[in-house]
Amino acid sequence: MSDQPNPTPAQRLAQLTAAPAADTHNDGIDRRNFLSCMAWAGTGLLWTMAGGVPTAKLLAATGAAAPSTHASAGFSFVQISDSHIGFNKAANQDVAGTLKLAIDKINAEINAMPAATPDFLLHTGDITQSAKPSEFDTAQQILRGSRIADIHYVPGEHDTATDDGAAYLQRFGKGTMGTGWYSFDHKGVHFIALNNSLQIDALGGLGADQRAWLKKDVAALSASTPIVVFAHIPLWMVYPQWGWGTKDGAEALSTLKRFGSVTVLNGHIHQVVQKVEGNVSFHTAASTAFPQPSPGKAPSAGPMVVPAGQLKHVLGITSVKYFARRGPLAIVDSSLEELA
């Protein structure tokens, strides 16, 4: 094993765009725990929480660092995001192919370790580029190829912009509330799906009805219940100048401040960004379609062309594992290149 860590998709993206190195002297990352090895979801960062501070390491190739059964590990699930089926420009002229590659990666890891098969898959929006029936058809066909049968969705603005989300709701909204929000419980964890992609005015928005529903949804839960919130646009202000945030996200999250463990999973910005604030751990996922620039490192957000042969390095998936009675969730990001 090398003692130099493989870069994450976000780090590779920063290298490709030649962005200045960030000051990480006080970022809370314990770099002594980095190991350049392979894990369940490929070579990726495992994020855990200890005393409100995130630490990062790469899991061991032998699997010894990670329990191999759900009985000991609780359970795991996978997040993918921003597939943009229908997009066909220089940044990626085969988005269906890279989504299929992501599904193939998930299936390959399941085949290698069947006992650790994830319980379900989350797609955090922008399934399509233009919400056309043919785009939804293609996305569903590819996603049905996953060995994970249970898939949960939230819409992105590209899934709702042309028809206020009617086509999305027809396909994925059965049993949801309002414009597609809902919740479910799984093995002691409460999952909350939000739609912050319809009330966009520069920033994402939830609206009064959805915030009121959220308060009612969690009112009867014990403060010790682990909470996972997933929505398309980041619920925190990543970079408001580019619309990378939700205007009423802080108000919604204040509803969850009494809970000891809250994890927020988003997409939209096509890169991995993490933040910890009190009891809340925020995480945005890489896209399966194309990267976007790092915040403020380009004149505007949008699809970014990377050098030939580098695209799969900056696309990826996220694996999340819940350890019963052992604290917050662990998050592993891996690029599509790591399938090989």
Protein backbone atom coordinates (compact mmCIF):
# COMPACT_ATOMS: atom_id res chain seq x y z
CA MET A 1 0.00 0.00 0.00
CA SER A 2 1.09 3.50 -0.77
CA ASP A 3 0.99 5.99 2.09
CA GLN A 4 -0.26 8.72 -0.26
CA PRO A 5 -4.08 9.08 -0.47
CA ASN A 6 -5.89 8.87 -3.79
CA PRO A 7 -7.74 12.14 -4.46
CA THR A 8 -11.52 12.26 -4.22
CA PRO A 9 -13.63 13.40 -7.20
CA ALA A 10 -13.78 16.87 -5.64
CA GLN A 11 -9.99 16.98 -5.26
CA ARG A 12 -9.49 15.83 -8.85
CA LEU A 13 -11.87 18.54 -10.03
CA ALA A 14 -9.90 21.15 -8.13
CA GLN A 15 -6.68 19.88 -9.71
CA LEU A 16 -8.14 20.00 -13.20
CA THR A 17 -9.37 23.58 -12.76
CA ALA A 18 -6.07 24.66 -11.16
CA ALA A 19 -7.93 26.23 -8.27
CA PRO A 20 -5.73 27.58 -5.46
CA ALA A 21 -5.27 25.15 -2.60
CA ALA A 22 -7.64 25.78 0.29
CA ASP A 23 -6.38 26.43 3.78
CA THR A 24 -6.96 23.17 5.59
CA HIS A 25 -5.00 23.80 8.76
CA ASN A 26 -8.16 24.13 10.84
CA ASP A 27 -10.67 22.10 8.84
CA GLY A 28 -10.99 19.27 11.37
CA ILE A 29 -9.85 16.54 9.01
CA ASP A 30 -7.61 13.98 10.64
CA ARG A 31 -5.14 13.24 7.83
CA ARG A 32 -3.24 10.74 9.98
CA ASN A 33 -6.08 8.33 9.23
CA PHE A 34 -5.67 8.43 5.43
CA LEU A 35 -4.88 5.05 3.86
CA SER A 36 -4.48 4.48 0.13
CA CYS A 37 -6.56 1.31 -0.08
CA MET A 38 -9.75 0.05 -1.69
CA ALA A 39 -13.15 -0.03 0.05
CA TRP A 40 -16.68 -1.33 -0.62
CA ALA A 41 -17.47 1.65 -2.84
CA GLY A 42 -14.03 1.88 -4.42
CA THR A 43 -11.21 4.12 -3.31
CA GLY A 44 -13.08 6.89 -1.51
CA LEU A 45 -13.24 8.91 1.63
CA LEU A 46 -15.06 7.49 4.62
CA TRP A 47 -16.53 10.34 6.67
CA THR A 48 -17.44 9.78 10.30
CA MET A 49 -18.28 12.12 13.15
CA ALA A 50 -16.65 12.22 16.57
CA GLY A 51 -17.48 14.92 19.07
CA GLY A 52 -19.00 17.08 16.32
CA VAL A 53 -15.79 17.02 14.26
CA PRO A 54 -15.57 15.17 10.91
CA THR A 55 -12.66 12.81 10.33
CA ALA A 56 -11.76 11.18 7.03
CA LYS A 57 -9.97 8.00 6.05
CA LEU A 58 -9.95 5.44 3.27
CA LEU A 59 -11.21 1.98 4.17
CA ALA A 60 -8.90 -1.01 3.98
CA ALA A 61 -8.87 -3.20 0.87
CA THR A 62 -9.37 -6.36 2.86
CA GLY A 63 -12.66 -5.08 4.25
CA ALA A 64 -11.33 -5.59 7.77
CA ALA A 65 -12.04 -1.98 8.63
CA ALA A 66 -15.68 -2.33 7.65
CA PRO A 67 -18.16 -4.93 8.94
CA SER A 68 -19.19 -7.35 6.22
CA THR A 69 -22.75 -8.05 7.32
CA HIS A 70 -25.77 -5.89 7.96
CA ALA A 71 -26.18 -7.46 11.38
CA SER A 72 -23.02 -5.78 12.60
CA ALA A 73 -23.03 -2.73 10.32
CA GLY A 74 -26.65 -1.62 10.59
CA PHE A 75 -27.31 -0.93 6.92
CA SER A 76 -26.02 1.01 3.96
CA PHE A 77 -27.48 2.86 1.01
CA VAL A 78 -26.15 4.55 -2.13
CA GLN A 79 -26.73 8.08 -3.40
CA ILE A 80 -26.46 9.09 -7.05
CA SER A 81 -27.31 12.51 -8.44
CA ASP A 82 -27.60 14.75 -11.48
CA SER A 83 -27.82 12.20 -14.28
CA HIS A 84 -29.16 14.81 -16.75
CA ILE A 85 -30.42 12.25 -19.26
CA GLY A 86 -30.93 14.15 -22.50
CA PHE A 87 -27.91 16.42 -22.11
CA ASN A 88 -25.65 16.25 -25.17
CA LYS A 89 -22.96 18.91 -25.21
CA ALA A 90 -19.18 19.01 -25.06
CA ALA A 91 -19.00 18.37 -21.30
CA ASN A 92 -20.46 14.86 -21.86
CA GLN A 93 -22.06 13.56 -25.04
CA ASP A 94 -23.03 10.22 -23.48
CA VAL A 95 -24.74 10.89 -20.15
CA ALA A 96 -26.71 7.66 -20.48
CA GLY A 97 -23.41 5.82 -20.74
CA THR A 98 -21.97 7.39 -17.59
CA LEU A 99 -25.19 6.72 -15.64
CA LYS A 100 -24.97 3.08 -16.77
CA LEU A 101 -21.34 3.03 -15.69
CA ALA A 102 -22.42 4.22 -12.22
CA ILE A 103 -25.01 1.43 -12.03
CA ASP A 104 -22.45 -1.09 -13.27
CA LYS A 105 -20.08 0.08 -10.53
CA ILE A 106 -22.74 -0.41 -7.87
CA ASN A 107 -23.57 -3.88 -9.22
CA ALA A 108 -19.90 -4.87 -9.38
CA GLU A 109 -19.39 -3.96 -5.75
CA ILE A 110 -22.50 -5.92 -4.77
CA ASN A 111 -21.22 -8.94 -6.70
CA ALA A 112 -17.89 -8.66 -4.89
CA MET A 113 -19.49 -8.43 -1.46
CA PRO A 114 -23.12 -9.70 -1.55
CA ALA A 115 -23.48 -9.64 2.25
CA ALA A 116 -23.03 -5.87 2.21
CA THR A 117 -25.64 -5.15 -0.46
CA PRO A 118 -27.08 -1.66 0.14
CA ASP A 119 -30.70 -1.60 1.26
CA PHE A 120 -31.77 1.09 -1.21
CA LEU A 121 -30.65 3.82 -3.58
CA LEU A 122 -31.37 7.56 -3.41
CA HIS A 123 -31.41 9.75 -6.52
CA THR A 124 -31.15 13.38 -5.49
CA GLY A 125 -32.56 14.97 -8.61
CA ASP A 126 -31.95 16.25 -12.12
CA ILE A 127 -32.71 12.79 -13.37
CA THR A 128 -33.31 14.36 -16.77
CA GLN A 129 -32.18 17.43 -18.66
CA SER A 130 -35.58 18.62 -19.92
CA ALA A 131 -38.23 16.39 -18.25
CA LYS A 132 -39.14 14.81 -21.60
CA PRO A 133 -40.94 11.44 -21.50
CA SER A 134 -38.16 9.84 -23.54
CA GLU A 135 -35.55 11.10 -21.06
CA PHE A 136 -37.46 9.69 -18.09
CA ASP A 137 -37.89 6.42 -20.02
CA THR A 138 -34.14 6.12 -20.60
CA ALA A 139 -33.30 6.97 -17.00
CA GLN A 140 -35.77 4.44 -15.61
CA GLN A 141 -34.53 1.73 -17.96
CA ILE A 142 -30.93 2.24 -16.81
CA LEU A 143 -31.83 2.49 -13.13
CA ARG A 144 -33.86 -0.72 -13.32
CA GLY A 145 -30.58 -2.42 -14.17
CA SER A 146 -29.38 -1.85 -10.63
CA ARG A 147 -29.30 -4.82 -8.29
CA ILE A 148 -30.76 -2.46 -5.69
CA ALA A 149 -34.49 -2.72 -6.33
CA ASP A 150 -35.67 -0.05 -3.89
CA ILE A 151 -35.05 3.46 -5.29
CA HIS A 152 -36.19 6.75 -3.75
CA TYR A 153 -36.26 10.01 -5.69
CA VAL A 154 -36.48 13.76 -5.26
CA PRO A 155 -36.76 16.14 -8.24
CA GLY A 156 -34.26 18.67 -9.47
CA GLU A 157 -35.10 21.87 -11.31
CA HIS A 158 -34.45 20.16 -14.66
CA ASP A 159 -37.12 17.59 -13.78
CA THR A 160 -39.74 20.25 -13.06
CA ALA A 161 -38.98 23.39 -15.08
CA THR A 162 -41.03 22.62 -18.20
CA ASP A 163 -44.27 21.37 -16.58
CA ASP A 164 -44.04 22.25 -12.87
CA GLY A 165 -43.09 18.66 -12.16
CA ALA A 166 -46.21 16.97 -13.57
CA ALA A 167 -44.28 14.28 -15.49
CA TYR A 168 -41.97 13.66 -12.53
CA LEU A 169 -44.90 13.28 -10.11
CA GLN A 170 -46.69 10.93 -12.46
CA ARG A 171 -43.70 8.60 -12.49
CA PHE A 172 -42.16 9.04 -9.05
CA GLY A 173 -44.67 10.96 -6.93
CA LYS A 174 -47.18 8.30 -5.98
CA GLY A 175 -47.83 8.48 -2.25
CA THR A 176 -45.98 11.77 -1.79
CA MET A 177 -47.30 15.02 -0.40
CA GLY A 178 -47.64 18.39 -2.15
CA THR A 179 -45.05 18.72 -4.91
CA GLY A 180 -43.31 15.48 -4.01
CA TRP A 181 -42.14 15.58 -0.40
CA TYR A 182 -42.41 12.53 1.84
CA SER A 183 -40.71 10.60 4.63
CA PHE A 184 -40.06 7.00 5.59
CA ASP A 185 -38.45 5.03 8.40
CA HIS A 186 -35.79 2.39 7.88
CA LYS A 187 -34.20 0.34 10.66
CA GLY A 188 -34.41 3.12 13.23
CA VAL A 189 -33.46 6.00 10.92
CA HIS A 190 -36.00 8.60 9.75
CA PHE A 191 -35.56 9.73 6.12
CA ILE A 192 -37.07 13.00 4.87
CA ALA A 193 -37.34 13.78 1.14
CA LEU A 194 -37.82 17.46 0.29
CA ASN A 195 -38.47 19.36 -2.95
CA ASN A 196 -36.61 22.67 -3.03
CA SER A 197 -36.46 22.88 -6.83
CA LEU A 198 -39.85 24.40 -7.70
CA GLN A 199 -39.79 27.70 -5.79
CA ILE A 200 -36.52 28.86 -7.32
CA ASP A 201 -35.84 32.59 -7.24
CA ALA A 202 -32.07 32.66 -7.69
CA LEU A 203 -31.92 30.25 -4.74
CA GLY A 204 -33.82 27.05 -4.03
CA GLY A 205 -36.92 27.22 -1.86
CA LEU A 206 -39.17 24.94 0.16
CA GLY A 207 -42.17 27.16 0.87
CA ALA A 208 -44.44 27.52 3.89
CA ASP A 209 -46.54 24.40 3.22
CA GLN A 210 -43.53 22.10 3.04
CA ARG A 211 -41.93 23.62 6.14
CA ALA A 212 -45.18 23.19 8.06
CA TRP A 213 -45.39 19.56 6.95
CA LEU A 214 -41.79 19.01 8.09
CA LYS A 215 -42.61 20.23 11.61
CA LYS A 216 -45.55 17.86 11.85
CA ASP A 217 -43.56 14.98 10.37
CA VAL A 218 -40.89 15.02 13.09
CA ALA A 219 -43.02 16.20 16.02
CA ALA A 220 -43.55 12.76 17.54
CA LEU A 221 -39.99 11.50 17.02
CA SER A 222 -37.55 11.01 19.87
CA ALA A 223 -34.58 13.40 19.86
CA SER A 224 -32.31 10.34 19.68
CA THR A 225 -33.71 9.31 16.28
CA PRO A 226 -31.08 9.63 13.52
CA ILE A 227 -32.37 11.88 10.74
CA VAL A 228 -31.38 11.86 7.06
CA VAL A 229 -32.71 14.67 4.87
CA PHE A 230 -32.26 14.52 1.11
CA ALA A 231 -33.12 17.18 -1.46
CA HIS A 232 -31.67 18.36 -4.75
CA ILE A 233 -30.36 21.86 -4.05
CA PRO A 234 -28.07 22.24 -1.02
CA LEU A 235 -30.05 23.24 2.06
CA TRP A 236 -27.12 25.37 3.22
CA MET A 237 -25.47 28.29 1.49
CA VAL A 238 -22.63 26.73 -0.50
CA TYR A 239 -22.28 29.70 -2.88
CA PRO A 240 -25.37 31.93 -3.08
CA GLN A 241 -23.85 34.00 -5.91
CA TRP A 242 -24.50 31.00 -8.16
CA GLY A 243 -27.79 30.01 -6.55
CA TRP A 244 -26.13 27.17 -4.65
CA GLY A 245 -28.29 27.24 -1.55
CA THR A 246 -31.89 27.26 -0.27
CA LYS A 247 -33.35 30.56 0.90
CA ASP A 248 -35.45 29.01 3.66
CA GLY A 249 -33.14 26.07 4.31
CA ALA A 250 -31.93 27.39 7.67
CA GLU A 251 -35.52 27.87 8.82
CA ALA A 252 -36.39 24.31 7.85
CA LEU A 253 -33.30 22.87 9.50
CA SER A 254 -34.06 24.71 12.74
CA THR A 255 -36.92 22.24 13.08
CA LEU A 256 -34.31 19.50 13.44
CA LYS A 257 -31.99 21.16 15.95
CA ARG A 258 -33.23 19.00 18.85
CA PHE A 259 -32.04 15.81 17.12
CA GLY A 260 -28.61 14.49 17.99
CA SER A 261 -27.67 13.21 14.51
CA VAL A 262 -28.82 14.90 11.30
CA THR A 263 -27.30 14.14 7.89
CA VAL A 264 -28.25 16.27 4.86
CA LEU A 265 -27.59 14.86 1.38
CA ASN A 266 -27.87 17.04 -1.72
CA GLY A 267 -26.78 17.23 -5.35
CA HIS A 268 -27.12 20.14 -7.83
CA ILE A 269 -23.56 21.46 -7.70
CA HIS A 270 -21.96 18.36 -9.29
CA GLN A 271 -19.10 18.08 -6.80
CA VAL A 272 -18.41 16.83 -3.30
CA VAL A 273 -18.57 19.48 -0.60
CA GLN A 274 -18.88 18.73 3.13
CA LYS A 275 -19.70 20.88 6.10
CA VAL A 276 -20.48 20.21 9.76
CA GLU A 277 -22.49 22.68 11.79
CA GLY A 278 -23.49 21.61 15.28
CA ASN A 279 -25.51 18.42 15.05
CA VAL A 280 -25.86 18.61 11.25
CA SER A 281 -23.50 17.05 8.71
CA PHE A 282 -23.96 18.36 5.14
CA HIS A 283 -22.80 16.50 2.04
CA THR A 284 -23.24 17.23 -1.67
CA ALA A 285 -22.67 14.46 -4.21
CA ALA A 286 -20.81 14.36 -7.49
CA SER A 287 -22.82 14.09 -10.70
CA THR A 288 -22.93 11.06 -12.97
CA ALA A 289 -23.12 13.42 -16.00
CA PHE A 290 -20.62 16.30 -15.93
CA PRO A 291 -18.67 18.43 -13.45
CA GLN A 292 -19.20 22.08 -12.60
CA PRO A 293 -16.51 24.58 -11.54
CA SER A 294 -15.50 24.97 -7.93
CA PRO A 295 -17.38 27.86 -6.27
CA GLY A 296 -16.09 31.20 -7.51
CA LYS A 297 -13.41 29.65 -9.76
CA ALA A 298 -15.21 30.51 -13.01
CA PRO A 299 -17.38 33.39 -14.25
CA SER A 300 -20.52 31.30 -13.66
CA ALA A 301 -21.78 27.83 -12.87
CA GLY A 302 -22.49 25.39 -15.66
CA PRO A 303 -21.25 22.27 -17.46
CA MET A 304 -17.46 22.17 -17.47
CA VAL A 305 -15.34 20.49 -20.13
CA VAL A 306 -12.36 18.59 -18.70
CA PRO A 307 -9.38 17.15 -20.59
CA ALA A 308 -9.97 14.04 -22.67
CA GLY A 309 -9.86 10.90 -20.57
CA GLN A 310 -10.47 12.75 -17.29
CA LEU A 311 -14.28 12.84 -17.21
CA LYS A 312 -14.76 9.66 -15.20
CA HIS A 313 -12.35 10.98 -12.57
CA VAL A 314 -14.73 13.82 -11.65
CA LEU A 315 -18.01 11.89 -11.78
CA GLY A 316 -19.06 9.57 -9.00
CA ILE A 317 -21.41 7.97 -6.50
CA THR A 318 -21.79 8.12 -2.73
CA SER A 319 -22.16 5.19 -0.33
CA VAL A 320 -23.60 5.82 3.15
CA LYS A 321 -23.43 3.36 6.03
CA TYR A 322 -25.37 3.52 9.31
CA PHE A 323 -23.82 1.80 12.31
CA ALA A 324 -26.57 1.01 14.81
CA ARG A 325 -25.99 2.70 18.17
CA ARG A 326 -22.51 3.77 17.09
CA GLY A 327 -23.00 7.42 16.21
CA PRO A 328 -23.49 9.33 12.97
CA LEU A 329 -23.44 8.00 9.44
CA ALA A 330 -20.27 7.24 7.50
CA ILE A 331 -20.03 8.55 3.94
CA VAL A 332 -17.77 7.24 1.15
CA ASP A 333 -17.36 8.99 -2.22
CA SER A 334 -15.84 7.24 -5.19
CA SER A 335 -15.31 8.23 -8.81
CA LEU A 336 -16.53 6.31 -11.84
CA GLU A 337 -12.90 5.79 -12.90
CA GLU A 338 -12.44 3.56 -9.85
CA LEU A 339 -14.71 0.93 -11.39
CA ALA A 340 -11.84 -0.32 -13.53
